[in-house]
Amino acid sequence: MPTIEAGTGVVTHINTFEVDPENQDALVRSLTETVAAARGMPGWISASIHRSYDGRRVINYVQFESHEAAQRVTQELLRLGLIQKNTAIGRVIPGQYQVVHTLTAD
């Protein structure tokens, strides 16, 4: 389960995909396949896939134990051709982040 908490050292990839609305479901299916393949890899923690209501974007929120784990998992997914499959469906704007602040309701 994803946990968003500052100061844990967890590395988060937030990948924003721009996609034609008729391809949004295909991209969601492809990303679901990709995160299922990553699930058992050392250092992988969780993934959450979000779709926009207008059909033009898909966000993939992925957590790793460390920067090194993120690199290892990404390299393996590239080797398997899964990342290339995703980027063939939608244009990705990748990003790697660390949580610096959170606020929740009491």
Protein backbone atom coordinates (compact mmCIF):
# COMPACT_ATOMS: atom_id res chain seq x y z
CA MET A 1 0.00 0.00 0.00
CA PRO A 2 1.41 3.42 -0.88
CA THR A 3 2.46 5.55 2.05
CA ILE A 4 3.31 9.20 1.56
CA GLU A 5 5.53 10.34 4.40
CA ALA A 6 8.41 12.80 4.59
CA GLY A 7 11.86 11.76 5.76
CA THR A 8 11.69 8.04 4.94
CA GLY A 9 14.19 7.98 2.09
CA VAL A 10 11.54 6.53 -0.23
CA VAL A 11 11.99 7.59 -3.85
CA THR A 12 8.84 8.35 -5.83
CA HIS A 13 8.50 8.32 -9.61
CA ILE A 14 5.56 10.38 -10.82
CA ASN A 15 5.20 9.80 -14.53
CA THR A 16 2.65 11.88 -16.39
CA PHE A 17 1.57 10.40 -19.70
CA GLU A 18 -0.22 12.47 -22.33
CA VAL A 19 -2.38 10.21 -24.48
CA ASP A 20 -5.11 10.41 -27.09
CA PRO A 21 -8.41 9.68 -25.32
CA GLU A 22 -9.04 6.59 -27.45
CA ASN A 23 -5.73 5.14 -26.18
CA GLN A 24 -6.16 5.86 -22.48
CA ASP A 25 -7.51 2.39 -21.61
CA ALA A 26 -4.71 0.71 -23.57
CA LEU A 27 -2.12 2.73 -21.67
CA VAL A 28 -3.73 1.88 -18.32
CA ARG A 29 -3.63 -1.83 -19.26
CA SER A 30 0.01 -1.54 -20.35
CA LEU A 31 1.04 0.26 -17.16
CA THR A 32 -0.83 -2.33 -15.10
CA GLU A 33 1.22 -5.03 -16.84
CA THR A 34 4.42 -3.09 -16.17
CA VAL A 35 3.81 -2.61 -12.44
CA ALA A 36 2.76 -6.26 -12.09
CA ALA A 37 6.15 -7.24 -13.54
CA ALA A 38 7.93 -4.87 -11.14
CA ARG A 39 6.03 -6.05 -8.08
CA GLY A 40 8.47 -8.78 -7.05
CA MET A 41 11.66 -6.85 -7.80
CA PRO A 42 13.91 -5.93 -4.86
CA GLY A 43 13.38 -2.37 -3.69
CA TRP A 44 9.99 -1.87 -5.37
CA ILE A 45 7.31 -0.76 -2.88
CA SER A 46 4.09 0.17 -4.66
CA ALA A 47 2.43 1.70 -7.70
CA SER A 48 -0.79 3.62 -8.24
CA ILE A 49 -2.19 4.36 -11.69
CA HIS A 50 -4.52 7.33 -12.17
CA ARG A 51 -6.59 8.26 -15.23
CA SER A 52 -7.88 11.76 -16.00
CA TYR A 53 -11.58 12.28 -16.57
CA ASP A 54 -10.94 13.94 -19.93
CA GLY A 55 -9.09 10.86 -21.21
CA ARG A 56 -5.90 12.79 -22.06
CA ARG A 57 -3.61 11.88 -19.16
CA VAL A 58 -2.53 8.91 -17.10
CA ILE A 59 -0.38 9.30 -14.00
CA ASN A 60 1.77 6.47 -12.70
CA TYR A 61 2.89 6.99 -9.07
CA VAL A 62 5.58 4.46 -8.11
CA GLN A 63 7.54 4.12 -4.87
CA PHE A 64 10.95 2.54 -4.35
CA GLU A 65 13.08 1.95 -1.25
CA SER A 66 15.97 4.01 -2.67
CA HIS A 67 17.32 5.78 -5.73
CA GLU A 68 19.47 2.73 -6.48
CA ALA A 69 16.45 0.41 -6.30
CA ALA A 70 14.55 2.72 -8.66
CA GLN A 71 17.40 2.56 -11.16
CA ARG A 72 17.65 -1.25 -10.95
CA VAL A 73 13.91 -1.77 -11.43
CA THR A 74 13.77 0.75 -14.28
CA GLN A 75 16.68 -0.93 -16.07
CA GLU A 76 14.99 -4.33 -15.79
CA LEU A 77 11.68 -2.98 -17.09
CA LEU A 78 13.56 -1.42 -20.02
CA ARG A 79 15.30 -4.75 -20.67
CA LEU A 80 11.89 -6.45 -20.75
CA GLY A 81 10.57 -3.84 -23.22
CA LEU A 82 7.72 -2.81 -20.92
CA ILE A 83 8.63 0.86 -20.61
CA GLN A 84 9.02 1.12 -24.38
CA LYS A 85 5.53 -0.36 -24.80
CA ASN A 86 4.09 2.34 -22.52
CA THR A 87 5.86 5.20 -24.27
CA ALA A 88 4.66 3.93 -27.65
CA ILE A 89 1.08 4.54 -26.47
CA GLY A 90 1.53 7.89 -24.70
CA ARG A 91 4.14 10.62 -24.36
CA VAL A 92 5.70 10.53 -20.89
CA ILE A 93 6.93 13.38 -18.74
CA PRO A 94 8.95 11.48 -16.11
CA GLY A 95 9.95 12.73 -12.69
CA GLN A 96 11.74 11.40 -9.63
CA TYR A 97 10.89 12.95 -6.26
CA GLN A 98 11.31 12.75 -2.50
CA VAL A 99 8.51 13.70 -0.12
CA VAL A 100 9.42 16.81 1.87
CA HIS A 101 6.10 17.62 3.54
CA THR A 102 2.71 16.03 4.12
CA LEU A 103 -0.43 17.20 5.87
CA THR A 104 -3.45 15.10 6.75
CA ALA A 105 -6.85 15.73 8.33
CA ASP A 106 -7.01 14.92 12.04
